[in-house]
């Protein structure tokens, strides 16, 4: 017996990428350097576990993304719902973890009235110090500073931001 569902039914029945809900508290100084962060991630697992625990674990491990977080408390919970079971997709929790810290950094920049890129650069992992992840891995061969500076210049980032501000007045 073969069963071929039409696309509408297939989309209703098959698992999707996990939706995440985030709650956080963040401490930062007047420059925007993150001093401490506490985040709780709740992912919608669906009606069965499927691959939700590994997705949650990977989200936790990717939360720091490119940023040094000296004091961090990360919790990830799998929420059972009455929807189809969600499953692993490309990135497997990594994007959901990384987007949370990017959102937090954007909010810090907004609160301080600073450019988000400046807050990002201030919080990047260092080369010799501030280079240990929350789970103890030493970041080696960190080319992020040079790469971002090169991209900032070649994309004319500052000029574009200024032109956008002028246009939106």
N, C-alpha and C. Protein backbone atom coordinates (compact mmCIF):
# COMPACT_ATOMS: atom_id res chain seq x y z
N UNK A 1 0.85 -1.17 0.00
CA UNK A 1 0.00 0.00 0.00
C UNK A 1 0.89 1.24 0.00
N UNK A 2 0.62 2.13 -0.90
CA UNK A 2 1.31 3.41 -0.94
C UNK A 2 0.34 4.50 -0.54
N UNK A 3 0.86 5.46 0.17
CA UNK A 3 0.05 6.60 0.55
C UNK A 3 0.79 7.85 0.13
N UNK A 4 0.18 8.62 -0.72
CA UNK A 4 0.76 9.89 -1.13
C UNK A 4 -0.19 11.00 -0.73
N UNK A 5 0.22 11.71 0.28
CA UNK A 5 -0.60 12.82 0.75
C UNK A 5 -0.42 14.01 -0.17
N UNK A 6 -1.48 14.81 -0.31
CA UNK A 6 -1.27 16.06 -1.04
C UNK A 6 -0.43 16.99 -0.15
N UNK A 7 0.09 18.02 -0.73
CA UNK A 7 1.06 18.87 -0.02
C UNK A 7 0.45 19.50 1.23
N UNK A 8 -0.79 19.90 1.20
CA UNK A 8 -1.42 20.50 2.38
C UNK A 8 -1.45 19.54 3.55
N UNK A 9 -1.86 18.29 3.29
CA UNK A 9 -1.90 17.29 4.36
C UNK A 9 -0.50 16.94 4.84
N UNK A 10 0.42 16.83 3.89
CA UNK A 10 1.80 16.52 4.24
C UNK A 10 2.38 17.59 5.16
N UNK A 11 2.10 18.85 4.86
CA UNK A 11 2.62 19.95 5.69
C UNK A 11 2.00 19.95 7.08
N UNK A 12 0.77 19.49 7.19
CA UNK A 12 0.12 19.42 8.51
C UNK A 12 0.67 18.28 9.35
N UNK A 13 1.07 17.19 8.71
CA UNK A 13 1.43 15.97 9.44
C UNK A 13 2.91 15.84 9.74
N UNK A 14 3.76 16.41 8.91
CA UNK A 14 5.20 16.20 9.10
C UNK A 14 5.81 17.26 10.00
N UNK A 15 6.89 16.88 10.65
CA UNK A 15 7.58 17.77 11.58
C UNK A 15 8.25 18.93 10.87
N UNK A 16 8.42 19.98 11.61
CA UNK A 16 9.06 21.20 11.10
C UNK A 16 10.27 21.52 11.97
N UNK A 17 10.89 22.64 11.66
CA UNK A 17 11.96 23.15 12.52
C UNK A 17 11.32 23.58 13.85
N UNK A 18 12.05 23.40 14.93
CA UNK A 18 11.52 23.75 16.26
C UNK A 18 11.36 25.26 16.40
N UNK A 19 10.19 25.67 16.84
CA UNK A 19 9.97 27.06 17.24
C UNK A 19 10.56 27.23 18.64
N UNK A 20 11.16 28.36 18.90
CA UNK A 20 11.74 28.64 20.21
C UNK A 20 11.08 29.88 20.80
N UNK A 21 10.93 29.86 22.11
CA UNK A 21 10.49 31.02 22.89
C UNK A 21 11.63 31.32 23.86
N UNK A 22 12.03 32.58 23.94
CA UNK A 22 13.16 32.97 24.78
C UNK A 22 12.71 33.95 25.86
N UNK A 23 13.24 33.78 27.06
CA UNK A 23 13.16 34.78 28.11
C UNK A 23 14.59 35.01 28.58
N UNK A 24 14.96 36.26 28.78
CA UNK A 24 16.34 36.51 29.18
C UNK A 24 16.45 37.71 30.10
N UNK A 25 17.54 37.71 30.83
CA UNK A 25 17.99 38.87 31.60
C UNK A 25 19.44 39.06 31.23
N UNK A 26 19.84 40.30 31.02
CA UNK A 26 21.23 40.56 30.65
C UNK A 26 21.75 41.76 31.44
N UNK A 27 22.98 41.65 31.90
CA UNK A 27 23.66 42.76 32.54
C UNK A 27 24.78 43.23 31.63
N UNK A 28 24.92 44.53 31.48
CA UNK A 28 25.96 45.07 30.61
C UNK A 28 26.37 46.43 31.14
N UNK A 29 27.58 46.86 30.76
CA UNK A 29 28.07 48.15 31.23
C UNK A 29 27.63 49.26 30.28
N UNK A 30 28.07 50.49 30.57
CA UNK A 30 27.64 51.65 29.78
C UNK A 30 28.15 51.63 28.34
N UNK A 31 29.19 50.84 28.09
CA UNK A 31 29.71 50.71 26.73
C UNK A 31 28.97 49.65 25.93
N UNK A 32 28.30 48.72 26.64
CA UNK A 32 27.59 47.64 25.97
C UNK A 32 28.25 46.29 26.12
N UNK A 33 29.31 46.23 26.92
CA UNK A 33 29.97 44.94 27.15
C UNK A 33 29.07 44.09 28.05
N UNK A 34 28.80 42.88 27.61
CA UNK A 34 27.94 41.98 28.36
C UNK A 34 28.70 41.46 29.57
N UNK A 35 28.11 41.63 30.75
CA UNK A 35 28.72 41.18 32.00
C UNK A 35 28.14 39.85 32.46
N UNK A 36 26.86 39.65 32.22
CA UNK A 36 26.20 38.40 32.60
C UNK A 36 24.91 38.27 31.81
N UNK A 37 24.54 37.03 31.55
CA UNK A 37 23.29 36.78 30.83
C UNK A 37 22.67 35.48 31.34
N UNK A 38 21.36 35.54 31.49
CA UNK A 38 20.58 34.36 31.88
C UNK A 38 19.49 34.21 30.83
N UNK A 39 19.40 33.04 30.24
CA UNK A 39 18.40 32.81 29.19
C UNK A 39 17.72 31.47 29.41
N UNK A 40 16.43 31.47 29.16
CA UNK A 40 15.66 30.23 29.15
C UNK A 40 15.06 30.09 27.76
N UNK A 41 15.36 28.96 27.12
CA UNK A 41 14.82 28.66 25.81
C UNK A 41 13.81 27.53 25.96
N UNK A 42 12.63 27.73 25.42
CA UNK A 42 11.62 26.67 25.41
C UNK A 42 11.32 26.37 23.95
N UNK A 43 11.53 25.12 23.57
CA UNK A 43 11.26 24.76 22.19
C UNK A 43 10.01 23.91 22.10
N UNK A 44 9.28 24.12 21.03
CA UNK A 44 8.04 23.36 20.82
C UNK A 44 8.41 22.02 20.20
N UNK A 45 8.37 20.98 21.03
CA UNK A 45 8.75 19.65 20.58
C UNK A 45 7.64 19.00 19.76
N UNK A 46 6.39 19.27 20.11
CA UNK A 46 5.28 18.58 19.49
C UNK A 46 4.80 17.47 20.40
N UNK A 47 4.11 16.50 19.83
CA UNK A 47 3.49 15.48 20.68
C UNK A 47 4.42 14.32 21.02
N UNK A 48 5.61 14.27 20.45
CA UNK A 48 6.59 13.25 20.85
C UNK A 48 7.98 13.87 20.87
N UNK A 49 8.90 13.17 21.50
CA UNK A 49 10.24 13.73 21.71
C UNK A 49 11.01 13.91 20.42
N UNK A 50 10.97 12.91 19.54
CA UNK A 50 11.73 12.91 18.29
C UNK A 50 13.17 13.33 18.60
N UNK A 51 13.69 14.34 17.91
CA UNK A 51 15.07 14.79 18.12
C UNK A 51 15.15 16.09 18.91
N UNK A 52 14.13 16.38 19.69
CA UNK A 52 14.10 17.64 20.43
C UNK A 52 15.23 17.80 21.44
N UNK A 53 15.58 16.79 22.24
CA UNK A 53 16.70 16.99 23.19
C UNK A 53 18.02 17.35 22.51
N UNK A 54 18.44 16.67 21.42
CA UNK A 54 19.67 17.11 20.76
C UNK A 54 19.57 18.51 20.15
N UNK A 55 18.40 18.88 19.65
CA UNK A 55 18.21 20.23 19.12
C UNK A 55 18.37 21.25 20.24
N UNK A 56 17.79 20.96 21.40
CA UNK A 56 17.90 21.86 22.56
C UNK A 56 19.36 21.98 23.01
N UNK A 57 20.06 20.85 23.06
CA UNK A 57 21.46 20.85 23.48
C UNK A 57 22.31 21.69 22.53
N UNK A 58 22.09 21.52 21.25
CA UNK A 58 22.88 22.28 20.28
C UNK A 58 22.56 23.77 20.37
N UNK A 59 21.31 24.12 20.64
CA UNK A 59 20.94 25.53 20.81
C UNK A 59 21.70 26.13 21.99
N UNK A 60 21.82 25.38 23.07
CA UNK A 60 22.58 25.85 24.24
C UNK A 60 24.04 26.07 23.86
N UNK A 61 24.62 25.12 23.14
CA UNK A 61 26.05 25.21 22.78
C UNK A 61 26.33 26.30 21.76
N UNK A 62 25.33 26.75 21.03
CA UNK A 62 25.53 27.80 20.03
C UNK A 62 25.06 29.17 20.51
N UNK A 63 24.56 29.24 21.73
CA UNK A 63 24.03 30.51 22.23
C UNK A 63 25.09 31.61 22.23
N UNK A 64 26.32 31.28 22.60
CA UNK A 64 27.39 32.29 22.65
C UNK A 64 27.73 32.85 21.28
N UNK A 65 27.53 32.07 20.24
CA UNK A 65 27.82 32.45 18.86
C UNK A 65 29.26 32.94 18.74
N UNK A 66 29.49 34.22 18.61
CA UNK A 66 30.84 34.76 18.45
C UNK A 66 31.27 35.60 19.64
N UNK A 67 30.55 35.49 20.76
CA UNK A 67 30.69 36.45 21.84
C UNK A 67 31.16 35.80 23.13
N UNK A 68 32.04 36.52 23.80
CA UNK A 68 32.53 36.07 25.10
C UNK A 68 31.49 36.41 26.16
N UNK A 69 31.06 35.39 26.86
CA UNK A 69 30.08 35.55 27.93
C UNK A 69 30.69 34.99 29.21
N UNK A 70 31.16 35.87 30.08
CA UNK A 70 31.89 35.41 31.26
C UNK A 70 30.99 34.73 32.28
N UNK A 71 29.81 35.24 32.46
CA UNK A 71 28.87 34.67 33.43
C UNK A 71 27.56 34.42 32.72
N UNK A 72 27.22 33.15 32.59
CA UNK A 72 26.06 32.79 31.78
C UNK A 72 25.30 31.64 32.44
N UNK A 73 24.00 31.71 32.34
CA UNK A 73 23.12 30.64 32.83
C UNK A 73 22.12 30.36 31.70
N UNK A 74 22.26 29.20 31.07
CA UNK A 74 21.42 28.85 29.92
C UNK A 74 20.60 27.61 30.26
N UNK A 75 19.31 27.71 30.05
CA UNK A 75 18.41 26.57 30.24
C UNK A 75 17.63 26.37 28.95
N UNK A 76 17.49 25.12 28.54
CA UNK A 76 16.65 24.79 27.39
C UNK A 76 15.67 23.71 27.80
N UNK A 77 14.42 23.95 27.51
CA UNK A 77 13.35 23.02 27.87
C UNK A 77 12.59 22.61 26.62
N UNK A 78 12.22 21.33 26.55
CA UNK A 78 11.42 20.82 25.44
C UNK A 78 9.96 20.81 25.88
N UNK A 79 9.13 21.55 25.19
CA UNK A 79 7.72 21.63 25.54
C UNK A 79 6.88 20.67 24.72
N UNK A 80 6.10 19.84 25.39
CA UNK A 80 5.19 18.94 24.70
C UNK A 80 3.91 19.71 24.36
N UNK A 81 3.49 19.60 23.10
CA UNK A 81 2.30 20.31 22.65
C UNK A 81 1.37 19.34 21.90
N UNK A 82 0.25 19.85 21.46
CA UNK A 82 -0.68 19.03 20.71
C UNK A 82 -0.50 19.21 19.20
N UNK A 83 0.71 19.51 18.78
CA UNK A 83 1.03 19.68 17.37
C UNK A 83 1.91 18.53 16.90
N UNK A 84 2.16 18.47 15.60
CA UNK A 84 3.04 17.42 15.08
C UNK A 84 4.41 17.53 15.73
N UNK A 85 5.10 16.40 15.82
CA UNK A 85 6.44 16.41 16.42
C UNK A 85 7.39 17.16 15.50
N UNK A 86 8.13 18.08 16.06
CA UNK A 86 9.13 18.77 15.28
C UNK A 86 10.40 17.94 15.27
N UNK A 87 11.27 18.23 14.32
CA UNK A 87 12.43 17.37 14.13
C UNK A 87 13.63 18.21 13.73
N UNK A 88 14.73 17.54 13.46
CA UNK A 88 15.97 18.22 13.13
C UNK A 88 15.99 18.65 11.67
N UNK A 89 16.50 19.83 11.43
CA UNK A 89 16.73 20.36 10.09
C UNK A 89 18.15 20.87 10.05
N UNK A 90 18.57 21.36 8.90
CA UNK A 90 19.92 21.93 8.81
C UNK A 90 20.14 22.94 9.92
N UNK A 91 21.28 22.84 10.54
CA UNK A 91 21.57 23.72 11.66
C UNK A 91 21.23 23.08 12.99
N UNK A 92 20.18 22.30 13.02
CA UNK A 92 19.89 21.38 14.14
C UNK A 92 19.95 22.06 15.50
N UNK A 93 19.33 23.23 15.65
CA UNK A 93 19.32 23.95 16.92
C UNK A 93 20.33 25.08 16.97
N UNK A 94 21.36 25.00 16.15
CA UNK A 94 22.38 26.05 16.13
C UNK A 94 21.83 27.43 15.80
N UNK A 95 21.06 27.57 14.71
CA UNK A 95 20.50 28.89 14.40
C UNK A 95 19.60 29.43 15.50
N UNK A 96 18.81 28.55 16.12
CA UNK A 96 17.91 29.01 17.17
C UNK A 96 18.67 29.49 18.40
N UNK A 97 19.81 28.89 18.69
CA UNK A 97 20.63 29.35 19.80
C UNK A 97 21.32 30.67 19.48
N UNK A 98 21.90 30.75 18.29
CA UNK A 98 22.66 31.95 17.90
C UNK A 98 21.77 33.18 17.75
N UNK A 99 20.56 32.99 17.24
CA UNK A 99 19.70 34.16 17.01
C UNK A 99 19.32 34.83 18.33
N UNK A 100 19.28 34.06 19.41
CA UNK A 100 18.91 34.64 20.70
C UNK A 100 19.93 35.69 21.15
N UNK A 101 21.23 35.37 21.08
CA UNK A 101 22.24 36.33 21.53
C UNK A 101 22.30 37.52 20.57
N UNK A 102 22.04 37.30 19.29
CA UNK A 102 22.02 38.42 18.34
C UNK A 102 20.88 39.38 18.67
N UNK A 103 19.74 38.83 19.04
CA UNK A 103 18.59 39.64 19.44
C UNK A 103 18.93 40.44 20.70
N UNK A 104 19.57 39.79 21.65
CA UNK A 104 19.96 40.47 22.89
C UNK A 104 20.92 41.61 22.59
N UNK A 105 21.89 41.38 21.73
CA UNK A 105 22.86 42.43 21.38
C UNK A 105 22.16 43.59 20.67
N UNK A 106 21.23 43.28 19.79
CA UNK A 106 20.46 44.36 19.14
C UNK A 106 19.71 45.20 20.17
N UNK A 107 19.14 44.55 21.17
CA UNK A 107 18.42 45.28 22.21
C UNK A 107 19.35 46.13 23.07
N UNK A 108 20.53 45.62 23.37
CA UNK A 108 21.52 46.42 24.12
C UNK A 108 21.86 47.67 23.32
N UNK A 109 22.12 47.51 22.03
CA UNK A 109 22.45 48.66 21.17
C UNK A 109 21.32 49.67 21.16
N UNK A 110 20.10 49.20 21.07
CA UNK A 110 18.94 50.10 21.07
C UNK A 110 18.84 50.87 22.38
N UNK A 111 19.01 50.15 23.49
CA UNK A 111 18.92 50.78 24.82
C UNK A 111 20.00 51.85 24.99
N UNK A 112 21.20 51.60 24.47
CA UNK A 112 22.31 52.54 24.64
C UNK A 112 22.39 53.57 23.52
N UNK A 113 21.57 53.42 22.49
CA UNK A 113 21.63 54.34 21.36
C UNK A 113 22.91 54.21 20.56
N UNK A 114 23.42 52.99 20.48
CA UNK A 114 24.68 52.75 19.76
C UNK A 114 24.44 51.85 18.56
N UNK A 115 25.39 51.82 17.67
CA UNK A 115 25.31 50.96 16.50
C UNK A 115 25.47 49.50 16.93
N UNK A 116 24.61 48.60 16.46
CA UNK A 116 24.72 47.19 16.86
C UNK A 116 26.06 46.55 16.51
N UNK A 117 26.68 46.99 15.41
CA UNK A 117 27.98 46.42 15.05
C UNK A 117 29.03 46.76 16.11
N UNK A 118 28.97 47.95 16.67
CA UNK A 118 29.92 48.33 17.72
C UNK A 118 29.75 47.45 18.96
N UNK A 119 28.52 47.14 19.31
CA UNK A 119 28.26 46.27 20.46
C UNK A 119 28.75 44.86 20.15
N UNK A 120 28.52 44.40 18.93
CA UNK A 120 29.00 43.07 18.55
C UNK A 120 30.53 43.00 18.66
N UNK A 121 31.21 43.98 18.07
CA UNK A 121 32.68 43.96 18.07
C UNK A 121 33.24 44.02 19.49
N UNK A 122 32.60 44.78 20.35
CA UNK A 122 33.03 44.90 21.74
C UNK A 122 32.94 43.57 22.47
N UNK A 123 31.99 42.73 22.09
CA UNK A 123 31.75 41.48 22.79
C UNK A 123 32.32 40.24 22.10
N UNK A 124 32.98 40.41 20.95
CA UNK A 124 33.59 39.27 20.27
C UNK A 124 34.55 38.53 21.19
N UNK A 125 34.72 37.24 20.93
CA UNK A 125 35.78 36.50 21.60
C UNK A 125 37.11 37.17 21.30
N UNK A 126 38.00 37.16 22.30
CA UNK A 126 39.32 37.73 22.12
C UNK A 126 40.29 36.73 21.50
N UNK A 127 41.48 37.21 21.24
CA UNK A 127 42.51 36.33 20.66
C UNK A 127 43.35 35.66 21.74
N UNK A 128 43.72 36.40 22.78
CA UNK A 128 44.56 35.85 23.85
C UNK A 128 43.81 35.69 25.17
N UNK A 129 42.87 36.56 25.41
CA UNK A 129 42.03 36.44 26.61
C UNK A 129 40.58 36.61 26.18
N UNK A 130 39.66 36.39 27.10
CA UNK A 130 38.24 36.43 26.76
C UNK A 130 37.96 35.49 25.58
N UNK A 131 38.61 34.32 25.59
CA UNK A 131 38.50 33.41 24.46
C UNK A 131 38.07 32.00 24.86
N UNK A 132 37.38 31.89 25.98
CA UNK A 132 36.90 30.60 26.46
C UNK A 132 35.37 30.59 26.41
N UNK A 133 34.80 29.56 25.81
CA UNK A 133 33.34 29.46 25.69
C UNK A 133 32.74 29.12 27.05
N UNK A 134 31.43 29.26 27.19
CA UNK A 134 30.78 28.90 28.46
C UNK A 134 30.98 27.43 28.84
N UNK A 135 31.26 26.58 27.87
CA UNK A 135 31.48 25.16 28.15
C UNK A 135 32.95 24.78 28.13
N UNK A 136 33.84 25.78 28.22
CA UNK A 136 35.26 25.53 28.45
C UNK A 136 36.13 25.34 27.23
N UNK A 137 35.61 25.47 26.04
CA UNK A 137 36.43 25.32 24.84
C UNK A 137 37.19 26.62 24.59
N UNK A 138 38.47 26.51 24.30
CA UNK A 138 39.28 27.68 23.95
C UNK A 138 39.08 27.96 22.46
N UNK A 139 38.75 29.20 22.13
CA UNK A 139 38.57 29.60 20.74
C UNK A 139 39.96 29.86 20.16
N UNK A 140 40.31 29.08 19.15
CA UNK A 140 41.62 29.21 18.50
C UNK A 140 41.43 29.75 17.09
N UNK A 141 42.50 30.29 16.54
CA UNK A 141 42.48 30.80 15.16
C UNK A 141 41.32 31.76 14.93
N UNK A 142 41.14 32.67 15.85
CA UNK A 142 40.03 33.61 15.78
C UNK A 142 40.35 34.72 14.78
N UNK A 143 39.74 34.65 13.62
CA UNK A 143 39.96 35.65 12.58
C UNK A 143 38.78 36.63 12.48
N UNK A 144 37.88 36.53 13.43
CA UNK A 144 36.64 37.31 13.35
C UNK A 144 36.88 38.82 13.33
N UNK A 145 37.80 39.30 14.16
CA UNK A 145 38.06 40.75 14.22
C UNK A 145 38.49 41.29 12.86
N UNK A 146 39.47 40.63 12.25
CA UNK A 146 39.97 41.09 10.95
C UNK A 146 38.90 40.95 9.87
N UNK A 147 38.19 39.84 9.90
CA UNK A 147 37.16 39.58 8.90
C UNK A 147 36.05 40.63 8.96
N UNK A 148 35.56 40.92 10.16
CA UNK A 148 34.48 41.90 10.30
C UNK A 148 34.97 43.30 9.92
N UNK A 149 36.20 43.65 10.28
CA UNK A 149 36.74 44.96 9.89
C UNK A 149 36.83 45.06 8.37
N UNK A 150 37.30 43.99 7.73
CA UNK A 150 37.39 43.99 6.27
C UNK A 150 36.00 44.12 5.63
N UNK A 151 35.04 43.38 6.14
CA UNK A 151 33.68 43.46 5.60
C UNK A 151 33.03 44.82 5.88
N UNK A 152 33.30 45.36 7.05
CA UNK A 152 32.76 46.68 7.39
C UNK A 152 33.27 47.72 6.40
N UNK A 153 34.54 47.64 6.06
CA UNK A 153 35.13 48.61 5.13
C UNK A 153 34.69 48.35 3.68
N UNK A 154 34.77 47.10 3.24
CA UNK A 154 34.45 46.81 1.84
C UNK A 154 32.97 47.00 1.53
N UNK A 155 32.11 46.86 2.52
CA UNK A 155 30.67 47.06 2.31
C UNK A 155 30.26 48.51 2.51
N UNK A 156 31.22 49.33 2.94
CA UNK A 156 30.93 50.73 3.25
C UNK A 156 29.79 50.83 4.27
N UNK A 157 29.90 49.99 5.29
CA UNK A 157 28.86 49.86 6.30
C UNK A 157 28.48 51.20 6.93
N UNK A 158 29.47 51.96 7.40
CA UNK A 158 29.18 53.23 8.10
C UNK A 158 28.50 54.23 7.16
N UNK A 159 28.98 54.31 5.94
CA UNK A 159 28.38 55.24 4.98
C UNK A 159 26.93 54.83 4.67
N UNK A 160 26.71 53.53 4.52
CA UNK A 160 25.35 53.05 4.24
C UNK A 160 24.41 53.34 5.41
N UNK A 161 24.89 53.10 6.62
CA UNK A 161 24.05 53.39 7.80
C UNK A 161 23.68 54.87 7.83
N UNK A 162 24.67 55.72 7.54
CA UNK A 162 24.43 57.16 7.54
C UNK A 162 23.42 57.54 6.44
N UNK A 163 23.55 56.95 5.27
CA UNK A 163 22.62 57.24 4.17
C UNK A 163 21.21 56.77 4.51
N UNK A 164 21.09 55.65 5.17
CA UNK A 164 19.78 55.13 5.57
C UNK A 164 19.13 56.05 6.60
N UNK A 165 19.94 56.50 7.58
CA UNK A 165 19.41 57.43 8.58
C UNK A 165 18.92 58.72 7.92
N UNK A 166 19.71 59.24 6.97
CA UNK A 166 19.32 60.48 6.29
C UNK A 166 18.05 60.27 5.46
N UNK A 167 17.95 59.15 4.81
CA UNK A 167 16.77 58.85 3.99
C UNK A 167 15.51 58.73 4.84
N UNK A 168 15.64 58.17 6.01
CA UNK A 168 14.48 57.90 6.88
C UNK A 168 14.05 59.10 7.73
N UNK A 169 14.70 60.24 7.59
CA UNK A 169 14.30 61.42 8.37
C UNK A 169 13.05 62.03 7.86
